[in-house]
Amino acid sequence: MRRSRILLVAAIAIVLAIAPATSGTFQPEPSVLLNLSVLNVGQGDAILITTSDDCTMLIDGGPQGAAGAILNALRENNVSTIDVLVATHPHADHIGGLPEVLDQIPVLRILDSGSVSTSKTYANYFDRIRTKGIPVAPGTMGSSFAFGPATVKILWPGDLLSTNPNDCSIVVELVYGEFSALLTGDAEADSEYEMMRLGLLSQVDALKVAHHGSASSTTAAFLSVVNPAVAIISVGAGNTYGHPSGEVLARLSGLNIEVYRTDLDGTVTVKTDGNDWRVQPEVLKPVGGITTNSAVAPVPEPVPIPTPAAPQTYYGSKNSNVFHYGWCRYVASIKAANLRVFTSRQDAVNKGYRPCAACKP
């Protein structure tokens, strides 16, 4: 009995002697990194989300001709398989590039809004799905799934689909730790109202602005609820729709929401480890810098670019004779009814406008 006690005491002493050395070499696992990239695909939408533990989700495929940009982004991120493809709604500027993507990259499953179209673009998209036998499920309100360390929540549409395809858009909230982003497809004011009425919306860090910044979406009431720090607009340079609307830009500016636009900033990527996050545009902004949240070390201010890449759209007001770059702070204060859009610098000059002294277009 005495011998047993001696052996037990000796064993405990050995464990205690070893324990400090063992605990001193413990290294916590590094956090999984998540990248959310609003791709520069022109007048359309395509969002690529990847994680460092090899999860990939593509939301929409841009207009016809966007496949090259999407495939390049997939290659740059070493993506060989798309785990989830979300087709928010059947408009050509959201699914036009998908047939070619489906031809070249395996897709494990698709979430579709359930809204259909008689267009040739939609027929090509659905033919690829049938040919390849890819499982398709409806993306409906209240469903969610794990995406690596993150959670994807489907906030919209509901069971009864609108006759307006935009209001059938799948609206996704992506949550990873302390970070959250709201990705809204082309959802319009009716959808925003219903999501608010049902209590589905909450404050987020990043917002993908709906419908390319159209005045049909991103209402003041909606922004007061989601209250993002940054907003990203996917929009084509010199588009004929007048996107983004001066009214929407004014709403965002009025709430001190920092705005990024693919027509000016190129592909816009949000990087996060679930705690800290930052925004990294492909093209350095002429003013300002890379956005960080308060917990991230500041990034050096980028070198100013004298002129954004062509083609360039300029903006003015019918109540003044001054024209501006789209990113100029004065554009946000122009009411939609007074907004004037110029297809070139010479177009503005020919119509009697002079360059803004602040942005120097």
Protein backbone atom coordinates (compact mmCIF):
# COMPACT_ATOMS: atom_id res chain seq x y z
CA MET A 1 0.00 0.00 0.00
CA ARG A 2 2.83 2.37 0.91
CA ARG A 3 4.63 1.43 -2.34
CA SER A 4 1.47 2.27 -4.34
CA ARG A 5 1.19 5.69 -2.74
CA ILE A 6 4.85 6.43 -3.50
CA LEU A 7 4.33 5.47 -7.15
CA LEU A 8 1.18 7.64 -7.37
CA VAL A 9 2.96 10.68 -5.89
CA ALA A 10 5.85 10.15 -8.30
CA ALA A 11 3.50 9.95 -11.26
CA ILE A 12 1.72 13.19 -10.27
CA ALA A 13 5.07 14.95 -9.88
CA ILE A 14 6.09 13.90 -13.40
CA VAL A 15 2.82 15.17 -14.87
CA LEU A 16 3.16 18.52 -13.08
CA ALA A 17 6.74 18.84 -14.27
CA ILE A 18 5.78 18.18 -17.89
CA ALA A 19 2.56 20.28 -17.93
CA PRO A 20 4.15 23.76 -18.18
CA ALA A 21 6.28 22.74 -21.16
CA THR A 22 3.31 21.15 -22.89
CA SER A 23 0.98 24.11 -22.38
CA GLY A 24 3.73 26.50 -23.45
CA THR A 25 3.89 24.96 -26.95
CA PHE A 26 0.11 25.04 -27.57
CA GLN A 27 -0.84 27.08 -30.63
CA PRO A 28 -4.48 28.03 -31.25
CA GLU A 29 -5.84 27.19 -34.68
CA PRO A 30 -5.75 30.17 -37.04
CA SER A 31 -9.13 31.67 -37.88
CA VAL A 32 -10.71 30.75 -41.17
CA LEU A 33 -10.60 33.68 -43.57
CA LEU A 34 -13.65 34.56 -45.66
CA ASN A 35 -13.58 36.70 -48.80
CA LEU A 36 -16.76 38.20 -50.25
CA SER A 37 -16.11 39.70 -53.70
CA VAL A 38 -18.63 41.74 -55.66
CA LEU A 39 -17.15 41.08 -59.10
CA ASN A 40 -16.79 43.73 -61.77
CA VAL A 41 -19.04 42.22 -64.45
CA GLY A 42 -20.48 45.40 -65.94
CA GLN A 43 -24.21 46.08 -65.69
CA GLY A 44 -25.17 43.01 -63.69
CA ASP A 45 -24.47 41.07 -60.50
CA ALA A 46 -22.02 38.31 -59.61
CA ILE A 47 -20.75 37.72 -56.06
CA LEU A 48 -18.05 35.18 -55.23
CA ILE A 49 -17.65 34.04 -51.61
CA THR A 50 -14.74 31.81 -50.63
CA THR A 51 -13.19 30.60 -47.38
CA SER A 52 -9.68 29.46 -46.54
CA ASP A 53 -11.09 26.02 -45.70
CA ASP A 54 -12.17 25.59 -49.35
CA CYS A 55 -15.84 26.52 -49.39
CA THR A 56 -17.13 28.35 -52.45
CA MET A 57 -20.45 30.03 -53.19
CA LEU A 58 -21.36 32.02 -56.30
CA ILE A 59 -24.37 34.33 -56.18
CA ASP A 60 -25.54 35.16 -59.72
CA GLY A 61 -23.56 35.11 -62.94
CA GLY A 62 -23.76 38.60 -64.39
CA PRO A 63 -24.85 39.43 -67.94
CA GLN A 64 -23.95 37.46 -71.04
CA GLY A 65 -20.22 37.90 -71.54
CA ALA A 66 -19.46 37.99 -67.80
CA ALA A 67 -18.28 34.37 -67.65
CA GLY A 68 -14.67 35.35 -68.40
CA ALA A 69 -14.46 37.63 -65.36
CA ILE A 70 -16.14 35.01 -63.15
CA LEU A 71 -13.90 32.17 -64.35
CA ASN A 72 -10.81 34.34 -63.86
CA ALA A 73 -11.90 35.07 -60.28
CA LEU A 74 -12.46 31.36 -59.65
CA ARG A 75 -9.00 30.53 -61.00
CA GLU A 76 -7.36 33.28 -58.93
CA ASN A 77 -8.97 31.75 -55.83
CA ASN A 78 -7.93 28.19 -56.83
CA VAL A 79 -11.57 27.11 -57.04
CA SER A 80 -12.19 23.81 -58.82
CA THR A 81 -15.76 23.23 -57.58
CA ILE A 82 -18.60 25.56 -56.63
CA ASP A 83 -20.36 24.17 -53.56
CA VAL A 84 -23.46 26.36 -53.87
CA LEU A 85 -24.72 28.50 -56.74
CA VAL A 86 -27.49 30.96 -55.90
CA ALA A 87 -29.49 32.34 -58.83
CA THR A 88 -31.36 35.21 -57.21
CA HIS A 89 -33.87 35.68 -60.06
CA PRO A 90 -34.10 34.96 -63.81
CA HIS A 91 -33.14 38.31 -65.34
CA ALA A 92 -30.39 38.15 -67.97
CA ASP A 93 -28.04 40.51 -66.10
CA HIS A 94 -27.93 38.00 -63.23
CA ILE A 95 -27.84 34.64 -65.06
CA GLY A 96 -26.42 35.53 -68.48
CA GLY A 97 -22.91 34.30 -67.70
CA LEU A 98 -23.98 31.13 -65.89
CA PRO A 99 -24.28 28.71 -68.86
CA GLU A 100 -20.56 29.09 -69.66
CA VAL A 101 -19.61 28.86 -65.98
CA LEU A 102 -21.67 25.66 -65.63
CA ASP A 103 -19.89 24.26 -68.71
CA GLN A 104 -16.47 24.73 -67.13
CA ILE A 105 -16.81 24.38 -63.34
CA PRO A 106 -18.62 21.57 -61.46
CA VAL A 107 -21.48 22.87 -59.30
CA LEU A 108 -22.74 20.68 -56.45
CA ARG A 109 -26.13 22.33 -55.90
CA ILE A 110 -28.21 25.32 -56.93
CA LEU A 111 -30.60 27.52 -55.00
CA ASP A 112 -33.13 29.14 -57.32
CA SER A 113 -35.87 31.67 -56.58
CA GLY A 114 -38.51 29.64 -58.43
CA SER A 115 -39.33 32.60 -60.66
CA VAL A 116 -39.14 31.58 -64.33
CA SER A 117 -38.68 33.41 -67.62
CA THR A 118 -39.45 32.77 -71.28
CA SER A 119 -36.15 34.34 -72.37
CA LYS A 120 -33.53 32.48 -74.37
CA THR A 121 -31.00 33.34 -71.64
CA TYR A 122 -33.10 31.54 -69.04
CA ALA A 123 -33.63 28.56 -71.38
CA ASN A 124 -29.85 28.22 -71.88
CA TYR A 125 -29.28 28.42 -68.13
CA PHE A 126 -31.86 25.76 -67.31
CA ASP A 127 -30.77 23.49 -70.17
CA ARG A 128 -27.30 23.31 -68.62
CA ILE A 129 -28.78 22.39 -65.25
CA ARG A 130 -30.87 19.58 -66.75
CA THR A 131 -28.01 18.28 -68.88
CA LYS A 132 -25.63 18.12 -65.95
CA GLY A 133 -28.21 16.85 -63.47
CA ILE A 134 -27.38 19.47 -60.86
CA PRO A 135 -29.73 19.35 -57.83
CA VAL A 136 -31.90 22.47 -57.62
CA ALA A 137 -33.79 23.58 -54.51
CA PRO A 138 -35.88 26.68 -53.87
CA GLY A 139 -34.26 29.38 -51.78
CA THR A 140 -37.12 30.28 -49.46
CA MET A 141 -37.57 32.51 -46.46
CA GLY A 142 -36.55 30.97 -43.15
CA SER A 143 -34.09 28.41 -44.51
CA SER A 144 -30.39 28.46 -43.67
CA PHE A 145 -27.27 26.39 -44.10
CA ALA A 146 -23.67 26.25 -42.91
CA PHE A 147 -20.99 27.59 -45.22
CA GLY A 148 -17.66 26.67 -43.68
CA PRO A 149 -17.51 28.70 -40.45
CA ALA A 150 -20.31 31.01 -41.62
CA THR A 151 -24.09 30.73 -41.74
CA VAL A 152 -26.16 31.63 -44.79
CA LYS A 153 -29.70 32.76 -44.02
CA ILE A 154 -32.34 33.06 -46.73
CA LEU A 155 -34.55 36.02 -45.84
CA TRP A 156 -36.58 36.23 -49.05
CA PRO A 157 -38.67 35.29 -51.08
CA GLY A 158 -41.70 33.97 -49.26
CA ASP A 159 -43.96 31.14 -50.42
CA LEU A 160 -46.06 33.37 -52.68
CA LEU A 161 -43.90 34.72 -55.49
CA SER A 162 -44.47 38.20 -56.85
CA THR A 163 -45.29 38.79 -60.51
CA ASN A 164 -42.29 41.15 -60.48
CA PRO A 165 -39.15 38.97 -60.87
CA ASN A 166 -37.08 41.54 -58.98
CA ASP A 167 -39.28 41.06 -55.92
CA CYS A 168 -38.70 37.30 -56.20
CA SER A 169 -34.98 37.85 -55.63
CA ILE A 170 -33.31 35.57 -53.12
CA VAL A 171 -32.04 37.83 -50.33
CA VAL A 172 -29.13 36.37 -48.37
CA GLU A 173 -27.72 37.35 -45.01
CA LEU A 174 -24.20 36.00 -44.49
CA VAL A 175 -23.07 35.81 -40.87
CA TYR A 176 -19.55 34.89 -39.77
CA GLY A 177 -18.77 35.56 -36.12
CA GLU A 178 -19.12 39.30 -35.52
CA PHE A 179 -19.38 40.10 -39.24
CA SER A 180 -22.55 40.17 -41.32
CA ALA A 181 -23.45 41.11 -44.89
CA LEU A 182 -26.80 41.50 -46.66
CA LEU A 183 -26.92 40.52 -50.34
CA THR A 184 -30.15 41.66 -51.90
CA GLY A 185 -30.25 40.71 -55.59
CA ASP A 186 -32.66 43.15 -57.28
CA ALA A 187 -35.22 43.21 -54.45
CA GLU A 188 -37.38 46.33 -54.64
CA ALA A 189 -39.26 48.47 -52.12
CA ASP A 190 -42.18 46.00 -51.76
CA SER A 191 -39.80 43.23 -50.69
CA GLU A 192 -37.96 45.56 -48.34
CA TYR A 193 -41.22 46.56 -46.71
CA GLU A 194 -42.33 42.95 -46.24
CA MET A 195 -38.99 41.92 -44.73
CA MET A 196 -39.22 44.86 -42.31
CA ARG A 197 -42.86 44.05 -41.46
CA LEU A 198 -41.93 40.44 -40.69
CA GLY A 199 -38.92 41.46 -38.57
CA LEU A 200 -36.44 39.64 -40.81
CA LEU A 201 -33.89 42.43 -41.08
CA SER A 202 -31.19 43.51 -38.65
CA GLN A 203 -28.14 45.74 -38.64
CA VAL A 204 -25.31 44.51 -40.89
CA ASP A 205 -21.75 45.58 -41.59
CA ALA A 206 -21.89 45.41 -45.39
CA LEU A 207 -24.75 45.82 -47.86
CA LYS A 208 -24.80 44.82 -51.52
CA VAL A 209 -27.14 47.53 -52.78
CA ALA A 210 -30.17 46.13 -54.60
CA HIS A 211 -30.90 46.58 -58.29
CA HIS A 212 -27.61 48.32 -59.15
CA GLY A 213 -28.55 51.38 -57.10
CA SER A 214 -31.93 51.91 -58.76
CA ALA A 215 -34.37 54.29 -57.05
CA SER A 216 -36.83 51.37 -56.92
CA SER A 217 -34.86 49.91 -54.00
CA THR A 218 -32.81 50.87 -50.92
CA THR A 219 -35.51 52.97 -49.31
CA ALA A 220 -34.78 55.27 -46.40
CA ALA A 221 -36.80 53.05 -44.05
CA PHE A 222 -34.85 49.96 -45.14
CA LEU A 223 -31.50 51.71 -44.61
CA SER A 224 -32.55 52.86 -41.16
CA VAL A 225 -32.97 49.21 -40.16
CA VAL A 226 -29.95 47.55 -41.79
CA ASN A 227 -27.69 50.60 -41.19
CA PRO A 228 -24.53 49.24 -42.87
CA ALA A 229 -21.06 50.72 -42.50
CA VAL A 230 -20.33 50.14 -46.19
CA ALA A 231 -22.50 49.70 -49.27
CA ILE A 232 -21.35 48.10 -52.53
CA ILE A 233 -23.10 48.86 -55.82
CA SER A 234 -22.63 46.48 -58.77
CA VAL A 235 -23.11 48.67 -61.83
CA GLY A 236 -21.79 49.09 -65.36
CA ALA A 237 -19.89 52.21 -66.44
CA GLY A 238 -21.95 54.48 -68.66
CA ASN A 239 -25.09 52.33 -68.40
CA THR A 240 -28.26 53.60 -70.04
CA TYR A 241 -30.41 53.16 -66.91
CA GLY A 242 -28.89 56.03 -64.94
CA HIS A 243 -27.70 53.61 -62.25
CA PRO A 244 -26.89 54.30 -59.54
CA SER A 245 -29.67 56.77 -58.82
CA GLY A 246 -28.66 60.10 -57.34
CA GLU A 247 -31.51 59.62 -54.89
CA VAL A 248 -30.01 56.38 -53.56
CA LEU A 249 -26.53 57.89 -53.40
CA ALA A 250 -27.98 60.77 -51.38
CA ARG A 251 -29.66 58.37 -48.93
CA LEU A 252 -26.40 56.49 -48.41
CA SER A 253 -24.38 59.67 -48.02
CA GLY A 254 -26.91 61.10 -45.58
CA LEU A 255 -26.31 58.16 -43.26
CA ASN A 256 -22.50 58.37 -43.62
CA ILE A 257 -22.40 54.97 -45.33
CA GLU A 258 -19.21 54.54 -47.34
CA VAL A 259 -20.03 53.59 -50.92
CA TYR A 260 -18.05 51.40 -53.31
CA ARG A 261 -19.03 50.96 -56.96
CA THR A 262 -17.75 48.35 -59.39
CA ASP A 263 -17.79 50.90 -62.24
CA LEU A 264 -15.30 53.05 -60.31
CA ASP A 265 -13.57 50.63 -57.91
CA GLY A 266 -13.50 47.42 -59.96
CA THR A 267 -14.10 44.20 -58.04
CA VAL A 268 -14.77 45.04 -54.38
CA THR A 269 -13.75 42.44 -51.79
CA VAL A 270 -14.63 42.28 -48.11
CA LYS A 271 -12.12 40.22 -46.10
CA THR A 272 -12.92 38.94 -42.61
CA ASP A 273 -11.78 36.43 -40.02
CA GLY A 274 -15.11 36.62 -38.21
CA ASN A 275 -13.91 39.41 -35.92
CA ASP A 276 -12.17 42.10 -37.93
CA TRP A 277 -13.02 43.03 -41.50
CA ARG A 278 -11.88 45.40 -44.21
CA VAL A 279 -12.86 46.38 -47.73
CA GLN A 280 -10.35 46.07 -50.53
CA PRO A 281 -11.27 47.58 -53.91
CA GLU A 282 -9.50 46.41 -57.04
CA VAL A 283 -8.98 49.98 -58.23
CA LEU A 284 -7.70 52.50 -55.71
CA LYS A 285 -10.15 55.32 -55.10
CA PRO A 286 -9.27 58.85 -56.19
CA VAL A 287 -10.16 60.01 -52.67
CA GLY A 288 -10.23 58.22 -49.34
CA GLY A 289 -8.78 54.79 -48.86
CA ILE A 290 -9.41 51.20 -48.05
CA THR A 291 -12.17 50.97 -45.49
CA THR A 292 -11.55 49.19 -42.23
CA ASN A 293 -13.72 48.70 -39.23
CA SER A 294 -12.51 50.21 -35.96
CA ALA A 295 -10.76 47.05 -34.83
CA VAL A 296 -8.50 46.69 -37.87
CA ALA A 297 -5.13 48.39 -38.15
CA PRO A 298 -5.33 51.30 -40.59
CA VAL A 299 -4.12 50.76 -44.14
CA PRO A 300 -1.94 53.42 -45.77
CA GLU A 301 -3.92 55.83 -47.93
CA PRO A 302 -3.67 54.88 -51.61
CA VAL A 303 -2.04 57.10 -54.20
CA PRO A 304 -4.73 59.26 -55.87
CA ILE A 305 -5.67 58.41 -59.42
CA PRO A 306 -6.06 61.51 -61.59
CA THR A 307 -8.93 60.17 -63.71
CA PRO A 308 -11.08 57.05 -63.45
CA ALA A 309 -10.92 54.56 -66.29
CA ALA A 310 -12.94 55.17 -69.43
CA PRO A 311 -15.74 55.02 -70.33
CA GLN A 312 -16.63 57.65 -67.75
CA THR A 313 -20.02 59.09 -66.88
CA TYR A 314 -20.32 62.58 -65.40
CA TYR A 315 -23.12 64.09 -63.35
CA GLY A 316 -24.62 67.53 -62.86
CA SER A 317 -27.77 69.26 -61.67
CA LYS A 318 -30.26 71.20 -63.74
CA ASN A 319 -29.99 73.88 -61.03
CA SER A 320 -26.28 74.53 -61.55
CA ASN A 321 -23.75 74.60 -64.37
CA VAL A 322 -21.16 72.36 -62.68
CA PHE A 323 -20.40 68.72 -63.57
CA HIS A 324 -18.75 66.08 -61.37
CA TYR A 325 -17.30 62.60 -61.21
CA GLY A 326 -19.79 60.05 -59.84
CA TRP A 327 -17.80 59.69 -56.62
CA CYS A 328 -17.79 63.43 -55.88
CA ARG A 329 -19.43 64.28 -52.56
CA TYR A 330 -21.64 66.87 -54.23
CA VAL A 331 -23.39 64.27 -56.43
CA ALA A 332 -25.05 62.69 -53.41
CA SER A 333 -26.89 65.94 -52.70
CA ILE A 334 -28.47 66.18 -56.15
CA LYS A 335 -32.13 65.17 -56.14
CA ALA A 336 -33.10 62.49 -58.65
CA ALA A 337 -35.47 64.86 -60.47
CA ASN A 338 -32.64 67.36 -61.00
CA LEU A 339 -29.90 64.89 -61.93
CA ARG A 340 -28.28 65.27 -65.34
CA VAL A 341 -26.05 62.53 -66.78
CA PHE A 342 -23.32 63.22 -69.36
CA THR A 343 -21.77 60.46 -71.45
CA SER A 344 -18.39 62.22 -71.64
CA ARG A 345 -16.53 65.25 -70.39
CA GLN A 346 -17.01 66.95 -73.74
CA ASP A 347 -20.74 66.23 -73.58
CA ALA A 348 -20.95 68.16 -70.28
CA VAL A 349 -18.87 71.06 -71.65
CA ASN A 350 -20.95 71.22 -74.83
CA LYS A 351 -24.08 71.58 -72.70
CA GLY A 352 -22.68 74.59 -70.87
CA TYR A 353 -21.34 72.89 -67.72
CA ARG A 354 -17.95 73.58 -66.13
CA PRO A 355 -15.75 71.20 -64.08
CA CYS A 356 -16.25 70.94 -60.31
CA ALA A 357 -13.44 72.62 -58.39
CA ALA A 358 -13.46 69.83 -55.76
CA CYS A 359 -13.26 66.63 -57.85
CA LYS A 360 -11.66 68.28 -60.93
CA PRO A 361 -13.21 66.05 -63.64
